[in-house]
C-alpha atoms as a PDB file:
ATOM      1  CA  MET A   1       1.457  22.432  -5.100  1.00  0.00           C
ATOM      2  CA  LYS A   2       2.968  22.925  -8.648  1.00  0.00           C
ATOM      3  CA  SER A   3       0.811  23.056 -11.734  1.00  0.00           C
ATOM      4  CA  ALA A   4       0.146  19.536 -12.960  1.00  0.00           C
ATOM      5  CA  ASP A   5       0.227  20.864 -16.541  1.00  0.00           C
ATOM      6  CA  MET A   6       3.801  22.225 -16.223  1.00  0.00           C
ATOM      7  CA  SER A   7       5.427  19.602 -13.978  1.00  0.00           C
ATOM      8  CA  LEU A   8       3.847  16.371 -15.119  1.00  0.00           C
ATOM      9  CA  ASN A   9       3.980  16.801 -18.916  1.00  0.00           C
ATOM     10  CA  ASN A  10       6.590  14.121 -19.421  1.00  0.00           C
ATOM     11  CA  ALA A  11       5.141  11.489 -17.057  1.00  0.00           C
ATOM     12  CA  LYS A  12       4.790   7.866 -18.542  1.00  0.00           C
ATOM     13  CA  ALA A  13       3.944   5.873 -15.370  1.00  0.00           C
ATOM     14  CA  LEU A  14       2.290   5.949 -12.052  1.00  0.00           C
ATOM     15  CA  ILE A  15       3.479   3.788  -9.362  1.00  0.00           C
ATOM     16  CA  PHE A  16       1.182   3.184  -6.331  1.00  0.00           C
ATOM     17  CA  ASP A  17       1.544   2.682  -2.693  1.00  0.00           C
ATOM     18  CA  VAL A  18      -1.116  -0.007  -2.036  1.00  0.00           C
ATOM     19  CA  PHE A  19      -1.952  -0.526   1.674  1.00  0.00           C
ATOM     20  CA  GLY A  20      -4.270   2.370   2.527  1.00  0.00           C
ATOM     21  CA  THR A  21      -3.934   4.147  -0.737  1.00  0.00           C
ATOM     22  CA  VAL A  22      -5.467   1.453  -2.972  1.00  0.00           C
ATOM     23  CA  VAL A  23      -7.094  -0.940  -0.487  1.00  0.00           C
ATOM     24  CA  ASP A  24      -8.782  -0.492   2.873  1.00  0.00           C
ATOM     25  CA  TRP A  25      -6.618  -2.755   4.955  1.00  0.00           C
ATOM     26  CA  ARG A  26      -8.090  -1.813   8.320  1.00  0.00           C
ATOM     27  CA  THR A  27     -11.718  -2.733   7.568  1.00  0.00           C
ATOM     28  CA  SER A  28     -10.690  -5.673   5.642  1.00  0.00           C
ATOM     29  CA  ILE A  29      -8.518  -7.164   8.287  1.00  0.00           C
ATOM     30  CA  ALA A  30     -10.995  -6.540  10.886  1.00  0.00           C
ATOM     31  CA  LYS A  31     -13.834  -8.353   8.922  1.00  0.00           C
ATOM     32  CA  GLU A  32     -11.554 -11.394   8.142  1.00  0.00           C
ATOM     33  CA  ALA A  33     -10.497 -11.741  11.791  1.00  0.00           C
ATOM     34  CA  ALA A  34     -13.986 -11.503  13.056  1.00  0.00           C
ATOM     35  CA  ASP A  35     -15.232 -13.880  10.420  1.00  0.00           C
ATOM     36  CA  MET A  36     -12.836 -16.444  11.405  1.00  0.00           C
ATOM     37  CA  LEU A  37     -12.554 -15.963  15.256  1.00  0.00           C
ATOM     38  CA  GLN A  38     -16.071 -15.006  16.308  1.00  0.00           C
ATOM     39  CA  PRO A  39     -17.365 -18.675  15.673  1.00  0.00           C
ATOM     40  CA  LYS A  40     -14.533 -19.814  17.997  1.00  0.00           C
ATOM     41  CA  GLY A  41     -16.004 -17.623  20.772  1.00  0.00           C
ATOM     42  CA  TYR A  42     -13.757 -14.674  20.641  1.00  0.00           C
ATOM     43  CA  ASP A  43     -15.386 -11.287  21.079  1.00  0.00           C
ATOM     44  CA  ILE A  44     -12.878  -8.486  20.963  1.00  0.00           C
ATOM     45  CA  ASP A  45     -12.581  -5.061  19.157  1.00  0.00           C
ATOM     46  CA  TRP A  46     -11.583  -6.312  15.632  1.00  0.00           C
ATOM     47  CA  HIS A  47     -10.518  -2.949  14.467  1.00  0.00           C
ATOM     48  CA  ALA A  48      -8.035  -2.771  17.428  1.00  0.00           C
ATOM     49  CA  PHE A  49      -6.830  -6.219  16.421  1.00  0.00           C
ATOM     50  CA  ALA A  50      -6.118  -4.891  12.887  1.00  0.00           C
ATOM     51  CA  ASP A  51      -4.469  -1.714  14.344  1.00  0.00           C
ATOM     52  CA  ALA A  52      -2.146  -3.835  16.564  1.00  0.00           C
ATOM     53  CA  TRP A  53      -1.115  -6.198  13.710  1.00  0.00           C
ATOM     54  CA  ARG A  54      -0.395  -2.995  11.464  1.00  0.00           C
ATOM     55  CA  ARG A  55       1.541  -1.375  14.246  1.00  0.00           C
ATOM     56  CA  ARG A  56       4.236  -4.028  13.996  1.00  0.00           C
ATOM     57  CA  TYR A  57       4.613  -3.473  10.309  1.00  0.00           C
ATOM     58  CA  GLN A  58       7.114  -0.630  10.267  1.00  0.00           C
ATOM     59  CA  PRO A  59       9.334  -2.009  13.171  1.00  0.00           C
ATOM     60  CA  ALA A  60       9.431  -5.406  11.321  1.00  0.00           C
ATOM     61  CA  MET A  61      10.664  -3.780   8.165  1.00  0.00           C
ATOM     62  CA  GLU A  62      12.971  -1.593   9.808  1.00  0.00           C
ATOM     63  CA  GLU A  63      15.132  -4.750  10.950  1.00  0.00           C
ATOM     64  CA  VAL A  64      15.539  -5.363   7.194  1.00  0.00           C
ATOM     65  CA  ARG A  65      16.260  -1.744   6.252  1.00  0.00           C
ATOM     66  CA  SER A  66      18.861  -1.337   9.090  1.00  0.00           C
ATOM     67  CA  GLY A  67      20.664  -4.643   7.991  1.00  0.00           C
ATOM     68  CA  THR A  68      19.812  -6.358  11.221  1.00  0.00           C
ATOM     69  CA  ARG A  69      18.333  -9.287   9.184  1.00  0.00           C
ATOM     70  CA  PRO A  70      18.512  -9.969   5.467  1.00  0.00           C
ATOM     71  CA  PHE A  71      15.706  -9.097   3.088  1.00  0.00           C
ATOM     72  CA  THR A  72      12.571 -10.981   4.170  1.00  0.00           C
ATOM     73  CA  LYS A  73       9.230 -10.751   2.196  1.00  0.00           C
ATOM     74  CA  LEU A  74       6.317  -9.277   3.931  1.00  0.00           C
ATOM     75  CA  ASP A  75       4.219 -12.558   4.145  1.00  0.00           C
ATOM     76  CA  ILE A  76       6.812 -13.781   6.659  1.00  0.00           C
ATOM     77  CA  LEU A  77       6.952 -10.619   8.669  1.00  0.00           C
ATOM     78  CA  HIS A  78       3.195 -10.491   8.798  1.00  0.00           C
ATOM     79  CA  ARG A  79       3.057 -14.007   9.993  1.00  0.00           C
ATOM     80  CA  GLU A  80       5.552 -13.311  12.757  1.00  0.00           C
ATOM     81  CA  ASN A  81       3.768 -10.262  13.767  1.00  0.00           C
ATOM     82  CA  LEU A  82       0.419 -12.028  13.776  1.00  0.00           C
ATOM     83  CA  GLU A  83       1.755 -14.709  16.115  1.00  0.00           C
ATOM     84  CA  ASN A  84       3.167 -11.978  18.421  1.00  0.00           C
ATOM     85  CA  ILE A  85      -0.085 -10.176  18.815  1.00  0.00           C
ATOM     86  CA  LEU A  86      -2.364 -13.137  19.300  1.00  0.00           C
ATOM     87  CA  PRO A  87      -1.654 -13.385  23.058  1.00  0.00           C
ATOM     88  CA  GLU A  88      -2.342  -9.613  23.536  1.00  0.00           C
ATOM     89  CA  PHE A  89      -6.011 -10.492  22.586  1.00  0.00           C
ATOM     90  CA  GLY A  90      -6.209 -13.833  24.475  1.00  0.00           C
ATOM     91  CA  ILE A  91      -6.305 -15.842  21.273  1.00  0.00           C
ATOM     92  CA  SER A  92      -4.572 -19.174  21.380  1.00  0.00           C
ATOM     93  CA  GLY A  93      -4.831 -22.681  19.904  1.00  0.00           C
ATOM     94  CA  LEU A  94      -5.093 -21.831  16.156  1.00  0.00           C
ATOM     95  CA  SER A  95      -3.748 -24.517  13.780  1.00  0.00           C
ATOM     96  CA  ASP A  96      -0.981 -23.877  11.435  1.00  0.00           C
ATOM     97  CA  LEU A  97      -3.484 -23.945   8.603  1.00  0.00           C
ATOM     98  CA  GLU A  98      -5.757 -21.486  10.503  1.00  0.00           C
ATOM     99  CA  LEU A  99      -2.779 -19.166  11.085  1.00  0.00           C
ATOM    100  CA  ASP A 100      -1.832 -19.342   7.512  1.00  0.00           C
ATOM    101  CA  HIS A 101      -5.413 -18.533   6.299  1.00  0.00           C
ATOM    102  CA  LEU A 102      -5.610 -15.503   8.568  1.00  0.00           C
ATOM    103  CA  ASN A 103      -2.072 -14.212   7.463  1.00  0.00           C
ATOM    104  CA  ARG A 104      -3.318 -14.420   4.000  1.00  0.00           C
ATOM    105  CA  ALA A 105      -6.105 -12.021   4.695  1.00  0.00           C
ATOM    106  CA  TRP A 106      -3.590  -9.388   3.574  1.00  0.00           C
ATOM    107  CA  HIS A 107      -3.854 -11.019   0.014  1.00  0.00           C
ATOM    108  CA  ARG A 108      -7.612 -10.422   0.122  1.00  0.00           C
ATOM    109  CA  LEU A 109      -8.039  -6.704   1.062  1.00  0.00           C
ATOM    110  CA  SER A 110     -10.891  -4.860  -0.378  1.00  0.00           C
ATOM    111  CA  PRO A 111     -10.413  -1.848  -2.633  1.00  0.00           C
ATOM    112  CA  TRP A 112     -11.606   1.768  -1.938  1.00  0.00           C
ATOM    113  CA  ASP A 113     -14.685   2.259  -3.963  1.00  0.00           C
ATOM    114  CA  ASP A 114     -12.868   4.407  -6.765  1.00  0.00           C
ATOM    115  CA  SER A 115      -9.873   2.227  -7.105  1.00  0.00           C
ATOM    116  CA  PRO A 116     -10.698  -0.299  -9.849  1.00  0.00           C
ATOM    117  CA  LEU A 117     -12.392   2.408 -12.102  1.00  0.00           C
ATOM    118  CA  GLY A 118      -9.897   5.032 -11.362  1.00  0.00           C
ATOM    119  CA  LEU A 119      -6.864   2.602 -12.056  1.00  0.00           C
ATOM    120  CA  THR A 120      -8.671   1.466 -15.255  1.00  0.00           C
ATOM    121  CA  ARG A 121      -8.895   4.953 -16.478  1.00  0.00           C
ATOM    122  CA  LEU A 122      -5.311   5.850 -15.561  1.00  0.00           C
ATOM    123  CA  LYS A 123      -4.062   2.713 -17.296  1.00  0.00           C
ATOM    124  CA  LYS A 124      -5.512   4.017 -20.615  1.00  0.00           C
ATOM    125  CA  LYS A 125      -2.792   6.784 -20.751  1.00  0.00           C
ATOM    126  CA  PHE A 126       0.029   5.602 -18.254  1.00  0.00           C
ATOM    127  CA  ILE A 127       1.836   2.472 -17.215  1.00  0.00           C
ATOM    128  CA  ILE A 128       0.370   1.720 -13.777  1.00  0.00           C
ATOM    129  CA  ALA A 129       2.253  -0.503 -11.259  1.00  0.00           C
ATOM    130  CA  THR A 130       2.377  -1.273  -7.634  1.00  0.00           C
ATOM    131  CA  GLN A 131       5.197   0.371  -5.491  1.00  0.00           C
ATOM    132  CA  SER A 132       4.296  -1.452  -2.336  1.00  0.00           C
ATOM    133  CA  ASN A 133       6.183  -3.199   0.457  1.00  0.00           C
ATOM    134  CA  GLY A 134       3.835  -6.176  -0.181  1.00  0.00           C
ATOM    135  CA  ASN A 135       5.561  -9.151  -1.736  1.00  0.00           C
ATOM    136  CA  VAL A 136       4.776 -10.416  -5.330  1.00  0.00           C
ATOM    137  CA  ALA A 137       2.271 -13.319  -4.348  1.00  0.00           C
ATOM    138  CA  LEU A 138       0.386 -10.912  -2.049  1.00  0.00           C
ATOM    139  CA  MET A 139       0.111  -8.304  -4.568  1.00  0.00           C
ATOM    140  CA  VAL A 140      -1.038 -10.575  -7.336  1.00  0.00           C
ATOM    141  CA  ASN A 141      -3.517 -12.314  -5.250  1.00  0.00           C
ATOM    142  CA  MET A 142      -4.901  -8.953  -4.111  1.00  0.00           C
ATOM    143  CA  ALA A 143      -5.292  -7.694  -7.621  1.00  0.00           C
ATOM    144  CA  LYS A 144      -7.319 -10.714  -8.631  1.00  0.00           C
ATOM    145  CA  HIS A 145      -9.434 -10.426  -5.523  1.00  0.00           C
ATOM    146  CA  ALA A 146     -10.091  -6.647  -5.767  1.00  0.00           C
ATOM    147  CA  GLY A 147     -10.177  -6.123  -9.526  1.00  0.00           C
ATOM    148  CA  LEU A 148      -6.995  -3.931  -9.789  1.00  0.00           C
ATOM    149  CA  PRO A 149      -5.788  -3.776 -13.241  1.00  0.00           C
ATOM    150  CA  TRP A 150      -2.009  -3.486 -12.808  1.00  0.00           C
ATOM    151  CA  ASP A 151       0.416  -3.559 -15.815  1.00  0.00           C
ATOM    152  CA  THR A 152       3.122  -5.008 -13.516  1.00  0.00           C
ATOM    153  CA  ILE A 153       4.058  -5.739  -9.888  1.00  0.00           C
ATOM    154  CA  LEU A 154       6.911  -3.699  -8.465  1.00  0.00           C
ATOM    155  CA  GLY A 155       8.023  -2.952  -5.049  1.00  0.00           C
ATOM    156  CA  ALA A 156       9.885  -4.304  -2.052  1.00  0.00           C
ATOM    157  CA  GLU A 157      10.435  -8.039  -3.104  1.00  0.00           C
ATOM    158  CA  VAL A 158      11.199  -7.014  -6.780  1.00  0.00           C
ATOM    159  CA  CYS A 159      13.547  -4.139  -5.703  1.00  0.00           C
ATOM    160  CA  GLN A 160      14.910  -5.986  -2.571  1.00  0.00           C
ATOM    161  CA  ALA A 161      14.360  -2.797  -0.613  1.00  0.00           C
ATOM    162  CA  TYR A 162      11.553  -1.471   1.600  1.00  0.00           C
ATOM    163  CA  LYS A 163      10.177   2.007   1.291  1.00  0.00           C
ATOM    164  CA  PRO A 164      11.230   4.616   2.101  1.00  0.00           C
ATOM    165  CA  MET A 165      14.733   3.465   1.132  1.00  0.00           C
ATOM    166  CA  PRO A 166      15.823   5.194  -2.105  1.00  0.00           C
ATOM    167  CA  GLU A 167      16.706   1.996  -3.755  1.00  0.00           C
ATOM    168  CA  SER A 168      13.032   1.061  -3.759  1.00  0.00           C
ATOM    169  CA  TYR A 169      11.934   3.993  -5.843  1.00  0.00           C
ATOM    170  CA  LEU A 170      14.900   4.156  -8.077  1.00  0.00           C
ATOM    171  CA  ARG A 171      15.089   0.477  -8.938  1.00  0.00           C
ATOM    172  CA  ALA A 172      11.377   0.661  -9.816  1.00  0.00           C
ATOM    173  CA  CYS A 173      12.059   3.399 -12.234  1.00  0.00           C
ATOM    174  CA  ASP A 174      14.919   1.583 -13.672  1.00  0.00           C
ATOM    175  CA  LEU A 175      12.819  -1.651 -14.078  1.00  0.00           C
ATOM    176  CA  LEU A 176      10.371   0.448 -16.082  1.00  0.00           C
ATOM    177  CA  GLY A 177      13.188   1.925 -18.184  1.00  0.00           C
ATOM    178  CA  LEU A 178      12.234   5.424 -17.274  1.00  0.00           C
ATOM    179  CA  ALA A 179      13.930   8.277 -15.556  1.00  0.00           C
ATOM    180  CA  PRO A 180      12.612   9.212 -12.176  1.00  0.00           C
ATOM    181  CA  SER A 181      11.037  12.426 -13.471  1.00  0.00           C
ATOM    182  CA  GLU A 182       8.879  10.261 -15.894  1.00  0.00           C
ATOM    183  CA  VAL A 183       7.281   8.458 -12.845  1.00  0.00           C
ATOM    184  CA  ILE A 184       4.625   9.698 -10.583  1.00  0.00           C
ATOM    185  CA  MET A 185       4.622   8.017  -7.083  1.00  0.00           C
ATOM    186  CA  THR A 186       0.978   8.040  -6.070  1.00  0.00           C
ATOM    187  CA  ALA A 187       0.105   7.603  -2.301  1.00  0.00           C
ATOM    188  CA  ALA A 188      -2.038   8.701   0.468  1.00  0.00           C
ATOM    189  CA  HIS A 189       0.822   9.244   2.724  1.00  0.00           C
ATOM    190  CA  ASN A 190       3.053  12.313   2.695  1.00  0.00           C
ATOM    191  CA  ASP A 191       6.117  10.670   4.039  1.00  0.00           C
ATOM    192  CA  ASP A 192       6.093   8.100   1.084  1.00  0.00           C
ATOM    193  CA  LEU A 193       5.731  10.944  -1.425  1.00  0.00           C
ATOM    194  CA  LYS A 194       8.511  13.096  -0.084  1.00  0.00           C
ATOM    195  CA  ALA A 195      10.810  10.157   0.059  1.00  0.00           C
ATOM    196  CA  ALA A 196      10.051   9.539  -3.615  1.00  0.00           C
ATOM    197  CA  ALA A 197      10.472  13.115  -4.459  1.00  0.00           C
ATOM    198  CA  ARG A 198      14.002  13.176  -3.059  1.00  0.00           C
ATOM    199  CA  CYS A 199      14.785  10.639  -5.577  1.00  0.00           C
ATOM    200  CA  GLY A 200      13.612  12.666  -8.297  1.00  0.00           C
ATOM    201  CA  LEU A 201      10.076  11.156  -8.907  1.00  0.00           C
ATOM    202  CA  ARG A 202       7.086  13.352  -9.484  1.00  0.00           C
ATOM    203  CA  THR A 203       4.270  12.956  -6.777  1.00  0.00           C
ATOM    204  CA  ALA A 204       0.511  12.641  -6.557  1.00  0.00           C
ATOM    205  CA  PHE A 205      -1.513  12.760  -3.273  1.00  0.00           C
ATOM    206  CA  VAL A 206      -4.766  10.991  -2.827  1.00  0.00           C
ATOM    207  CA  PRO A 207      -6.044  11.233   0.688  1.00  0.00           C
ATOM    208  CA  ARG A 208      -7.811   8.316   2.428  1.00  0.00           C
ATOM    209  CA  PRO A 209      -9.203  10.001   5.445  1.00  0.00           C
ATOM    210  CA  THR A 210     -10.717   6.878   7.102  1.00  0.00           C
ATOM    211  CA  GLU A 211      -7.519   4.615   6.545  1.00  0.00           C
ATOM    212  CA  HIS A 212      -6.932   4.481  10.373  1.00  0.00           C
ATOM    213  CA  GLY A 213     -10.534   4.911  11.396  1.00  0.00           C
ATOM    214  CA  PRO A 214     -12.859   7.826  12.108  1.00  0.00           C
ATOM    215  CA  GLY A 215     -10.335   9.510  14.474  1.00  0.00           C
ATOM    216  CA  GLN A 216      -7.511   9.873  11.768  1.00  0.00           C
ATOM    217  CA  ILE A 217      -5.555  13.125  11.955  1.00  0.00           C
ATOM    218  CA  LYS A 218      -2.609  12.479   9.784  1.00  0.00           C
ATOM    219  CA  ASP A 219      -2.286  12.648   5.902  1.00  0.00           C
ATOM    220  CA  LEU A 220      -5.624  14.591   5.427  1.00  0.00           C
ATOM    221  CA  THR A 221      -4.042  17.145   3.287  1.00  0.00           C
ATOM    222  CA  PRO A 222      -0.956  17.089   0.847  1.00  0.00           C
ATOM    223  CA  ASP A 223       2.380  18.577   1.727  1.00  0.00           C
ATOM    224  CA  PRO A 224       2.903  21.731  -0.217  1.00  0.00           C
ATOM    225  CA  SER A 225       5.940  20.131  -2.060  1.00  0.00           C
ATOM    226  CA  ILE A 226       3.584  17.503  -3.702  1.00  0.00           C
ATOM    227  CA  ASP A 227       3.051  17.968  -7.545  1.00  0.00           C
ATOM    228  CA  ILE A 228      -0.686  17.112  -7.784  1.00  0.00           C
ATOM    229  CA  SER A 229      -3.470  16.242  -5.388  1.00  0.00           C
ATOM    230  CA  ALA A 230      -6.958  14.628  -6.118  1.00  0.00           C
ATOM    231  CA  ILE A 231      -9.750  13.473  -3.928  1.00  0.00           C
ATOM    232  CA  SER A 232      -9.991  10.079  -5.576  1.00  0.00           C
ATOM    233  CA  PHE A 233      -8.378   8.153  -8.346  1.00  0.00           C
ATOM    234  CA  ILE A 234     -11.233   9.273 -10.607  1.00  0.00           C
ATOM    235  CA  ASP A 235     -10.449  12.680  -9.875  1.00  0.00           C
ATOM    236  CA  LEU A 236      -6.723  12.071 -10.450  1.00  0.00           C
ATOM    237  CA  ALA A 237      -7.652  10.531 -13.903  1.00  0.00           C
ATOM    238  CA  ASP A 238      -9.660  13.611 -14.722  1.00  0.00           C
ATOM    239  CA  LYS A 239      -6.800  15.958 -13.746  1.00  0.00           C
ATOM    240  CA  LEU A 240      -4.225  13.866 -15.757  1.00  0.00           C
ATOM    241  CA  GLY A 241      -6.423  13.940 -18.928  1.00  0.00           C
ATOM    242  CA  CYS A 242      -7.242  10.173 -18.895  1.00  0.00           C
ATOM    243  CA  PRO A 243     -10.119   9.031 -21.040  1.00  0.00           C
END
């Protein structure tokens, strides 16, 4: 990694991957599904349910990235994916209102413990914004639920492009009125950061070693090309000189 003092001097904003980096989607979705479906008599591996739903995330977005379908916001993709996985777990008979409530569990994800305080500190020195594949309503509702103090909501729906398409990162910088070199993409995923770096953004890695459960083997350490690494958002605020 490069020296943070030398490579990040001109940074004015941090933009954040959200699912997995800021919030714990796996535990949250498992709990929401269990709370709703256990009273109906279903007894399944709720974390496996969350994993199965999430596995359809990238393939669904790839249809948009490839031009197979026009831009479609994530709430719609999530709902389609939910309806596709329910039979895999023997779940049936949910009403449209119940399906909508379960789908909106993605709006109610819980933050990692350090996220609210760390973001609040980072905000004192930098613009902070989402750079998520989540749509605007999802991100706003999640921020209210989880206490996330964003300055603004950016990402796929605003930029009309899903990460890791270059347009996603570059349009976000343009919307902030900043050069890519003035923006730090922050994520727990090396692939996301390397895609942003190819567009000229600076990069910060914050690992979330239990995002995918106790057996996670990916994204435990930063790629050597990444500008700065921290063990939490609080540690990142310390390293970036935030009060």
